PDB file of N, CA and C in Angstrom:
ATOM      1  N   MET A   1       8.605   0.732 -14.533  1.00  0.00           N
ATOM      2  CA  MET A   1       9.918   0.612 -14.248  1.00  0.00           C
ATOM      3  C   MET A   1       9.979  -0.567 -13.212  1.00  0.00           C
ATOM      4  N   LYS A   2      11.187  -1.383 -13.396  1.00  0.00           N
ATOM      5  CA  LYS A   2      11.282  -2.513 -12.604  1.00  0.00           C
ATOM      6  C   LYS A   2      12.602  -2.604 -11.990  1.00  0.00           C
ATOM      7  N   CYS A   3      12.734  -2.750 -10.671  1.00  0.00           N
ATOM      8  CA  CYS A   3      13.844  -2.922 -10.254  1.00  0.00           C
ATOM      9  C   CYS A   3      14.569  -4.358 -10.408  1.00  0.00           C
ATOM     10  N   ILE A   4      15.849  -4.406 -10.026  1.00  0.00           N
ATOM     11  CA  ILE A   4      16.510  -5.850 -10.088  1.00  0.00           C
ATOM     12  C   ILE A   4      15.937  -6.653  -9.766  1.00  0.00           C
ATOM     13  N   THR A   5      15.366  -6.204  -8.460  1.00  0.00           N
ATOM     14  CA  THR A   5      14.454  -7.031  -7.190  1.00  0.00           C
ATOM     15  C   THR A   5      13.123  -7.519  -7.739  1.00  0.00           C
ATOM     16  N   GLY A   6      12.727  -6.974  -8.708  1.00  0.00           N
ATOM     17  CA  GLY A   6      11.465  -7.636  -9.324  1.00  0.00           C
ATOM     18  C   GLY A   6      10.224  -6.900  -8.697  1.00  0.00           C
ATOM     19  N   LYS A   7      10.656  -5.969  -7.794  1.00  0.00           N
ATOM     20  CA  LYS A   7       9.571  -4.956  -7.222  1.00  0.00           C
ATOM     21  C   LYS A   7       9.077  -3.878  -8.012  1.00  0.00           C
ATOM     22  N   LYS A   8       7.763  -3.406  -8.035  1.00  0.00           N
ATOM     23  CA  LYS A   8       7.552  -2.027  -8.720  1.00  0.00           C
ATOM     24  C   LYS A   8       8.207  -0.966  -7.750  1.00  0.00           C
ATOM     25  N   CYS A   9       8.360  -0.050  -8.570  1.00  0.00           N
ATOM     26  CA  CYS A   9       9.195   1.031  -8.224  1.00  0.00           C
ATOM     27  C   CYS A   9       8.078   2.354  -8.045  1.00  0.00           C
ATOM     28  N   HIS A  10       8.184   2.826  -6.967  1.00  0.00           N
ATOM     29  CA  HIS A  10       7.607   3.931  -6.862  1.00  0.00           C
ATOM     30  C   HIS A  10       8.600   5.210  -6.794  1.00  0.00           C
ATOM     31  N   GLU A  11       8.587   6.176  -7.460  1.00  0.00           N
ATOM     32  CA  GLU A  11       9.572   7.085  -7.616  1.00  0.00           C
ATOM     33  C   GLU A  11       9.660   8.304  -6.360  1.00  0.00           C
ATOM     34  N   THR A  12       8.937   8.518  -5.641  1.00  0.00           N
ATOM     35  CA  THR A  12       8.778   9.131  -4.393  1.00  0.00           C
ATOM     36  C   THR A  12       8.224   8.439  -3.268  1.00  0.00           C
ATOM     37  N   GLU A  13       8.422   8.853  -2.325  1.00  0.00           N
ATOM     38  CA  GLU A  13       8.205   8.410  -0.734  1.00  0.00           C
ATOM     39  C   GLU A  13       6.598   8.614  -0.755  1.00  0.00           C
ATOM     40  N   GLU A  14       6.006   9.970  -1.355  1.00  0.00           N
ATOM     41  CA  GLU A  14       4.698  10.256  -1.387  1.00  0.00           C
ATOM     42  C   GLU A  14       3.908   9.174  -2.080  1.00  0.00           C
ATOM     43  N   LEU A  15       4.604   9.107  -3.171  1.00  0.00           N
ATOM     44  CA  LEU A  15       3.646   8.094  -4.261  1.00  0.00           C
ATOM     45  C   LEU A  15       3.542   6.917  -3.466  1.00  0.00           C
ATOM     46  N   ALA A  16       4.382   6.327  -3.121  1.00  0.00           N
ATOM     47  CA  ALA A  16       4.409   5.025  -2.352  1.00  0.00           C
ATOM     48  C   ALA A  16       3.570   4.867  -1.367  1.00  0.00           C
ATOM     49  N   GLU A  17       3.510   5.963  -0.330  1.00  0.00           N
ATOM     50  CA  GLU A  17       2.440   5.840   0.520  1.00  0.00           C
ATOM     51  C   GLU A  17       0.982   5.881   0.109  1.00  0.00           C
ATOM     52  N   GLU A  18       0.898   6.575  -1.142  1.00  0.00           N
ATOM     53  CA  GLU A  18      -0.459   6.645  -1.618  1.00  0.00           C
ATOM     54  C   GLU A  18      -0.641   5.150  -2.373  1.00  0.00           C
ATOM     55  N   ALA A  19       0.214   4.846  -2.756  1.00  0.00           N
ATOM     56  CA  ALA A  19       0.205   3.547  -3.673  1.00  0.00           C
ATOM     57  C   ALA A  19      -0.251   1.987  -2.616  1.00  0.00           C
ATOM     58  N   LEU A  20       0.773   2.516  -1.083  1.00  0.00           N
ATOM     59  CA  LEU A  20       0.154   1.328  -0.103  1.00  0.00           C
ATOM     60  C   LEU A  20      -1.060   1.811   0.343  1.00  0.00           C
ATOM     61  N   ILE A  21      -1.734   2.759   0.622  1.00  0.00           N
ATOM     62  CA  ILE A  21      -3.218   2.889   0.563  1.00  0.00           C
ATOM     63  C   ILE A  21      -3.851   2.378  -0.265  1.00  0.00           C
ATOM     64  N   GLU A  22      -3.862   2.457  -1.180  1.00  0.00           N
ATOM     65  CA  GLU A  22      -4.341   2.010  -2.493  1.00  0.00           C
ATOM     66  C   GLU A  22      -4.416   0.550  -2.604  1.00  0.00           C
ATOM     67  N   ASN A  23      -3.131   0.059  -2.317  1.00  0.00           N
ATOM     68  CA  ASN A  23      -3.165  -1.709  -2.166  1.00  0.00           C
ATOM     69  C   ASN A  23      -3.998  -2.018  -1.209  1.00  0.00           C
ATOM     70  N   HIS A  24      -4.134  -1.482   0.051  1.00  0.00           N
ATOM     71  CA  HIS A  24      -5.059  -1.734   1.060  1.00  0.00           C
ATOM     72  C   HIS A  24      -6.578  -1.829   0.592  1.00  0.00           C
ATOM     73  N   ILE A  25      -6.549  -0.975   0.102  1.00  0.00           N
ATOM     74  CA  ILE A  25      -8.374  -0.703  -0.127  1.00  0.00           C
ATOM     75  C   ILE A  25      -8.585  -1.818  -1.520  1.00  0.00           C
ATOM     76  N   HIS A  26      -7.942  -1.837  -2.380  1.00  0.00           N
ATOM     77  CA  HIS A  26      -7.887  -2.866  -3.653  1.00  0.00           C
ATOM     78  C   HIS A  26      -7.975  -4.477  -3.274  1.00  0.00           C
ATOM     79  N   PHE A  27      -7.176  -4.658  -2.216  1.00  0.00           N
ATOM     80  CA  PHE A  27      -6.633  -6.005  -1.915  1.00  0.00           C
ATOM     81  C   PHE A  27      -7.468  -6.624  -0.608  1.00  0.00           C
ATOM     82  N   ASN A  28      -7.863  -5.286   0.039  1.00  0.00           N
ATOM     83  CA  ASN A  28      -8.770  -5.804   1.308  1.00  0.00           C
ATOM     84  C   ASN A  28      -7.874  -6.401   2.321  1.00  0.00           C
ATOM     85  N   HIS A  29      -6.704  -6.448   2.379  1.00  0.00           N
ATOM     86  CA  HIS A  29      -5.852  -7.006   3.362  1.00  0.00           C
ATOM     87  C   HIS A  29      -6.102  -6.843   5.030  1.00  0.00           C
ATOM     88  N   PRO A  30      -6.219  -7.789   5.876  1.00  0.00           N
ATOM     89  CA  PRO A  30      -6.469  -7.855   7.185  1.00  0.00           C
ATOM     90  C   PRO A  30      -5.447  -6.930   7.778  1.00  0.00           C
ATOM     91  N   LYS A  31      -5.660  -6.308   8.891  1.00  0.00           N
ATOM     92  CA  LYS A  31      -4.864  -5.302   9.579  1.00  0.00           C
ATOM     93  C   LYS A  31      -3.339  -6.380   9.847  1.00  0.00           C
ATOM     94  N   GLY A  32      -2.281  -5.672   9.440  1.00  0.00           N
ATOM     95  CA  GLY A  32      -1.199  -6.579  10.028  1.00  0.00           C
ATOM     96  C   GLY A  32      -0.759  -7.505   8.751  1.00  0.00           C
ATOM     97  N   SER A  33      -1.530  -7.498   7.768  1.00  0.00           N
ATOM     98  CA  SER A  33      -0.766  -8.450   6.367  1.00  0.00           C
ATOM     99  C   SER A  33      -0.880  -7.434   5.333  1.00  0.00           C
ATOM    100  N   GLY A  34      -0.176  -8.360   4.260  1.00  0.00           N
ATOM    101  CA  GLY A  34      -0.065  -7.551   3.113  1.00  0.00           C
ATOM    102  C   GLY A  34       1.281  -6.659   3.268  1.00  0.00           C
ATOM    103  N   PRO A  35       1.358  -5.785   2.252  1.00  0.00           N
ATOM    104  CA  PRO A  35       2.499  -5.090   2.449  1.00  0.00           C
ATOM    105  C   PRO A  35       2.150  -3.985   3.673  1.00  0.00           C
ATOM    106  N   ILE A  36       2.854  -3.677   4.327  1.00  0.00           N
ATOM    107  CA  ILE A  36       2.668  -3.014   5.480  1.00  0.00           C
ATOM    108  C   ILE A  36       3.402  -1.706   5.604  1.00  0.00           C
ATOM    109  N   ASN A  37       4.742  -1.518   4.929  1.00  0.00           N
ATOM    110  CA  ASN A  37       5.508  -0.343   4.929  1.00  0.00           C
ATOM    111  C   ASN A  37       6.213  -0.115   3.359  1.00  0.00           C
ATOM    112  N   ILE A  38       7.081   0.868   3.397  1.00  0.00           N
ATOM    113  CA  ILE A  38       7.885   1.094   2.447  1.00  0.00           C
ATOM    114  C   ILE A  38       9.129   1.279   2.792  1.00  0.00           C
ATOM    115  N   TYR A  39      10.061   0.975   1.641  1.00  0.00           N
ATOM    116  CA  TYR A  39      11.672   1.386   1.910  1.00  0.00           C
ATOM    117  C   TYR A  39      12.139   1.949   0.744  1.00  0.00           C
ATOM    118  N   LEU A  40      13.190   2.903   0.990  1.00  0.00           N
ATOM    119  CA  LEU A  40      13.994   3.318  -0.120  1.00  0.00           C
ATOM    120  C   LEU A  40      15.056   2.013  -0.729  1.00  0.00           C
ATOM    121  N   CYS A  41      14.954   1.729  -1.793  1.00  0.00           N
ATOM    122  CA  CYS A  41      16.063   0.675  -2.106  1.00  0.00           C
ATOM    123  C   CYS A  41      17.353   0.961  -2.623  1.00  0.00           C
ATOM    124  N   GLU A  42      18.449   0.308  -2.087  1.00  0.00           N
ATOM    125  CA  GLU A  42      19.805   0.706  -2.280  1.00  0.00           C
ATOM    126  C   GLU A  42      20.027   0.266  -3.877  1.00  0.00           C
ATOM    127  N   HIS A  43      19.366  -0.673  -4.765  1.00  0.00           N
ATOM    128  CA  HIS A  43      19.561  -0.947  -5.859  1.00  0.00           C
ATOM    129  C   HIS A  43      18.998   0.116  -7.087  1.00  0.00           C
ATOM    130  N   CYS A  44      18.033   0.613  -6.822  1.00  0.00           N
ATOM    131  CA  CYS A  44      17.538   1.489  -7.680  1.00  0.00           C
ATOM    132  C   CYS A  44      16.985   2.780  -7.565  1.00  0.00           C
ATOM    133  N   GLY A  45      17.036   3.464  -6.170  1.00  0.00           N
ATOM    134  CA  GLY A  45      16.931   4.350  -5.428  1.00  0.00           C
ATOM    135  C   GLY A  45      15.469   5.108  -5.563  1.00  0.00           C
ATOM    136  N   HIS A  46      14.567   4.033  -6.048  1.00  0.00           N
ATOM    137  CA  HIS A  46      13.192   4.253  -5.405  1.00  0.00           C
ATOM    138  C   HIS A  46      12.557   3.619  -4.185  1.00  0.00           C
ATOM    139  N   TYR A  47      11.264   3.521  -4.173  1.00  0.00           N
ATOM    140  CA  TYR A  47      10.749   2.900  -2.878  1.00  0.00           C
ATOM    141  C   TYR A  47       9.673   1.753  -3.693  1.00  0.00           C
ATOM    142  N   HIS A  48       9.701   0.963  -2.630  1.00  0.00           N
ATOM    143  CA  HIS A  48       9.273  -0.303  -2.707  1.00  0.00           C
ATOM    144  C   HIS A  48       8.374  -0.810  -1.487  1.00  0.00           C
ATOM    145  N   PHE A  49       7.501  -1.564  -1.780  1.00  0.00           N
ATOM    146  CA  PHE A  49       6.473  -2.105  -0.618  1.00  0.00           C
ATOM    147  C   PHE A  49       7.584  -3.524   0.047  1.00  0.00           C
ATOM    148  N   THR A  50       7.104  -3.680   1.470  1.00  0.00           N
ATOM    149  CA  THR A  50       7.568  -4.509   2.245  1.00  0.00           C
ATOM    150  C   THR A  50       6.632  -4.919   3.207  1.00  0.00           C
ATOM    151  N   SER A  51       6.457  -6.278   3.698  1.00  0.00           N
ATOM    152  CA  SER A  51       5.430  -7.007   4.598  1.00  0.00           C
ATOM    153  C   SER A  51       6.245  -7.251   5.688  1.00  0.00           C
ATOM    154  N   GLN A  52       7.901  -6.812   6.077  1.00  0.00           N
ATOM    155  CA  GLN A  52       8.503  -6.715   7.263  1.00  0.00           C
ATOM    156  C   GLN A  52       8.537  -5.407   8.086  1.00  0.00           C
ATOM    157  N   GLY A  53       8.833  -5.838   9.219  1.00  0.00           N
ATOM    158  CA  GLY A  53       9.057  -4.406  10.467  1.00  0.00           C
ATOM    159  C   GLY A  53       7.744  -3.977  10.845  1.00  0.00           C
ATOM    160  N   GLU A  54       7.670  -3.028  11.224  1.00  0.00           N
ATOM    161  CA  GLU A  54       6.408  -2.320  11.886  1.00  0.00           C
ATOM    162  C   GLU A  54       5.877  -1.562  10.722  1.00  0.00           C
ATOM    163  N   PRO A  55       4.315  -1.715  10.777  1.00  0.00           N
ATOM    164  CA  PRO A  55       3.337  -1.215   9.778  1.00  0.00           C
ATOM    165  C   PRO A  55       3.511   0.550  10.018  1.00  0.00           C
ATOM    166  N   HIS A  56       3.349   1.006   8.682  1.00  0.00           N
ATOM    167  CA  HIS A  56       3.684   2.310   8.114  1.00  0.00           C
ATOM    168  C   HIS A  56       2.723   3.095   9.373  1.00  0.00           C
ATOM    169  N   TYR A  57       3.085   4.385   9.670  1.00  0.00           N
ATOM    170  CA  TYR A  57       2.266   5.181  10.335  1.00  0.00           C
ATOM    171  C   TYR A  57       0.854   5.610   9.392  1.00  0.00           C
ATOM    172  N   ILE A  58       1.145   5.758   8.219  1.00  0.00           N
ATOM    173  CA  ILE A  58       0.125   6.183   7.321  1.00  0.00           C
ATOM    174  C   ILE A  58      -1.096   5.295   7.202  1.00  0.00           C
ATOM    175  N   LEU A  59      -0.795   4.099   7.531  1.00  0.00           N
ATOM    176  CA  LEU A  59      -1.969   2.970   7.640  1.00  0.00           C
ATOM    177  C   LEU A  59      -2.858   3.249   8.929  1.00  0.00           C
ATOM    178  N   GLU A  60      -2.323   3.675   9.929  1.00  0.00           N
ATOM    179  CA  GLU A  60      -2.855   3.441  11.078  1.00  0.00           C
ATOM    180  C   GLU A  60      -3.639   5.018  11.064  1.00  0.00           C
ATOM    181  N   GLU A  61      -2.884   6.146  10.609  1.00  0.00           N
ATOM    182  CA  GLU A  61      -3.544   7.571  10.409  1.00  0.00           C
ATOM    183  C   GLU A  61      -4.789   7.740   9.458  1.00  0.00           C
ATOM    184  N   LYS A  62      -4.816   6.426   8.061  1.00  0.00           N
ATOM    185  CA  LYS A  62      -5.525   6.610   7.071  1.00  0.00           C
ATOM    186  C   LYS A  62      -6.600   5.553   7.579  1.00  0.00           C
ATOM    187  N   ALA A  63      -6.486   4.873   8.424  1.00  0.00           N
ATOM    188  CA  ALA A  63      -7.575   3.523   8.712  1.00  0.00           C
ATOM    189  C   ALA A  63      -9.036   3.873   8.653  1.00  0.00           C
ATOM    190  N   SER A  64      -9.411   4.775   8.810  1.00  0.00           N
ATOM    191  CA  SER A  64     -11.233   5.265   8.770  1.00  0.00           C
ATOM    192  C   SER A  64     -11.419   5.402   7.343  1.00  0.00           C
ATOM    193  N   TYR A  65     -10.309   5.912   6.867  1.00  0.00           N
ATOM    194  CA  TYR A  65     -10.399   6.098   5.190  1.00  0.00           C
ATOM    195  C   TYR A  65     -10.385   5.019   4.308  1.00  0.00           C
ATOM    196  N   ILE A  66      -9.225   4.032   4.617  1.00  0.00           N
ATOM    197  CA  ILE A  66      -9.347   2.785   3.771  1.00  0.00           C
ATOM    198  C   ILE A  66     -10.420   1.920   4.281  1.00  0.00           C
ATOM    199  N   ALA A  67     -10.873   1.939   5.581  1.00  0.00           N
ATOM    200  CA  ALA A  67     -12.382   1.148   5.793  1.00  0.00           C
ATOM    201  C   ALA A  67     -13.330   1.814   5.084  1.00  0.00           C
ATOM    202  N   ALA A  68     -13.623   2.963   5.043  1.00  0.00           N
ATOM    203  CA  ALA A  68     -14.808   3.577   4.134  1.00  0.00           C
ATOM    204  C   ALA A  68     -14.712   3.211   2.567  1.00  0.00           C
ATOM    205  N   GLN A  69     -13.292   2.931   2.000  1.00  0.00           N
ATOM    206  CA  GLN A  69     -13.296   3.199   0.696  1.00  0.00           C
ATOM    207  C   GLN A  69     -13.792   1.747   0.534  1.00  0.00           C
ATOM    208  N   LYS A  70     -12.712   0.741   1.391  1.00  0.00           N
ATOM    209  CA  LYS A  70     -13.356  -0.736   1.140  1.00  0.00           C
ATOM    210  C   LYS A  70     -14.698  -0.865   1.164  1.00  0.00           C
ATOM    211  N   ARG A  71     -15.473  -0.240   2.142  1.00  0.00           N
ATOM    212  CA  ARG A  71     -17.031  -0.523   2.374  1.00  0.00           C
ATOM    213  C   ARG A  71     -17.574   0.019   0.791  1.00  0.00           C
ATOM    214  N   ALA A  72     -17.053   1.147   0.269  1.00  0.00           N
ATOM    215  CA  ALA A  72     -17.591   2.016  -0.855  1.00  0.00           C
ATOM    216  C   ALA A  72     -17.461   0.943  -2.130  1.00  0.00           C
ATOM    217  N   ARG A  73     -16.312   0.206  -1.931  1.00  0.00           N
ATOM    218  CA  ARG A  73     -15.976  -0.580  -3.038  1.00  0.00           C
ATOM    219  C   ARG A  73     -16.811  -1.956  -3.175  1.00  0.00           C
ATOM    220  N   ASP A  74     -17.137  -2.319  -1.769  1.00  0.00           N
ATOM    221  CA  ASP A  74     -17.790  -3.597  -1.780  1.00  0.00           C
ATOM    222  C   ASP A  74     -19.279  -3.445  -2.360  1.00  0.00           C
ATOM    223  N   TRP A  75     -19.817  -2.074  -1.726  1.00  0.00           N
ATOM    224  CA  TRP A  75     -21.551  -1.885  -2.338  1.00  0.00           C
ATOM    225  C   TRP A  75     -21.052  -1.651  -3.685  1.00  0.00           C
ATOM    226  N   GLU A  76     -20.243  -1.120  -4.302  1.00  0.00           N
ATOM    227  CA  GLU A  76     -20.027  -0.931  -5.937  1.00  0.00           C
ATOM    228  C   GLU A  76     -20.183  -2.264  -6.727  1.00  0.00           C
ATOM    229  N   TYR A  77     -19.326  -3.252  -6.076  1.00  0.00           N
ATOM    230  CA  TYR A  77     -19.409  -4.427  -6.672  1.00  0.00           C
ATOM    231  C   TYR A  77     -20.846  -5.289  -6.666  1.00  0.00           C
ATOM    232  N   ARG A  78     -21.254  -5.217  -5.211  1.00  0.00           N
ATOM    233  CA  ARG A  78     -22.759  -5.713  -4.933  1.00  0.00           C
ATOM    234  C   ARG A  78     -23.816  -5.161  -5.976  1.00  0.00           C
ATOM    235  N   LEU A  79     -23.672  -3.745  -6.349  1.00  0.00           N
ATOM    236  CA  LEU A  79     -24.872  -2.965  -6.888  1.00  0.00           C
ATOM    237  C   LEU A  79     -24.452  -3.303  -8.412  1.00  0.00           C
ATOM    238  N   ARG A  80     -23.604  -4.058  -9.134  1.00  0.00           N
ATOM    239  CA  ARG A  80     -23.278  -4.052 -10.340  1.00  0.00           C
ATOM    240  C   ARG A  80     -24.051  -5.105 -11.072  1.00  0.00           C
TER     241      ARG A  80
END
C-alpha cells in the first residue's frame, strides 16, 4: 500500500519500529542518518519513516542488536 505522500505504509507502530530497525541493518546507515523516526500520517492513517526530528528511542535501545546484525550480514557477504 502506498500513501499519497509516496511513502511506504506500515499498519501499526510496532511494525513501523521493526521496519525501522531492519532498515538500519540492511542499509547500514551511520548513526543519526537515514530514517531516524516514525510518524502517524494524517493522510492515510498509517506509519511512515522520517529523517526529521529526534531519533526514535528504539534505535538506541536496540543499538547493540543492530550492530551485531550488521556484522553478521557483513560476514555473510564476505563468505559468499
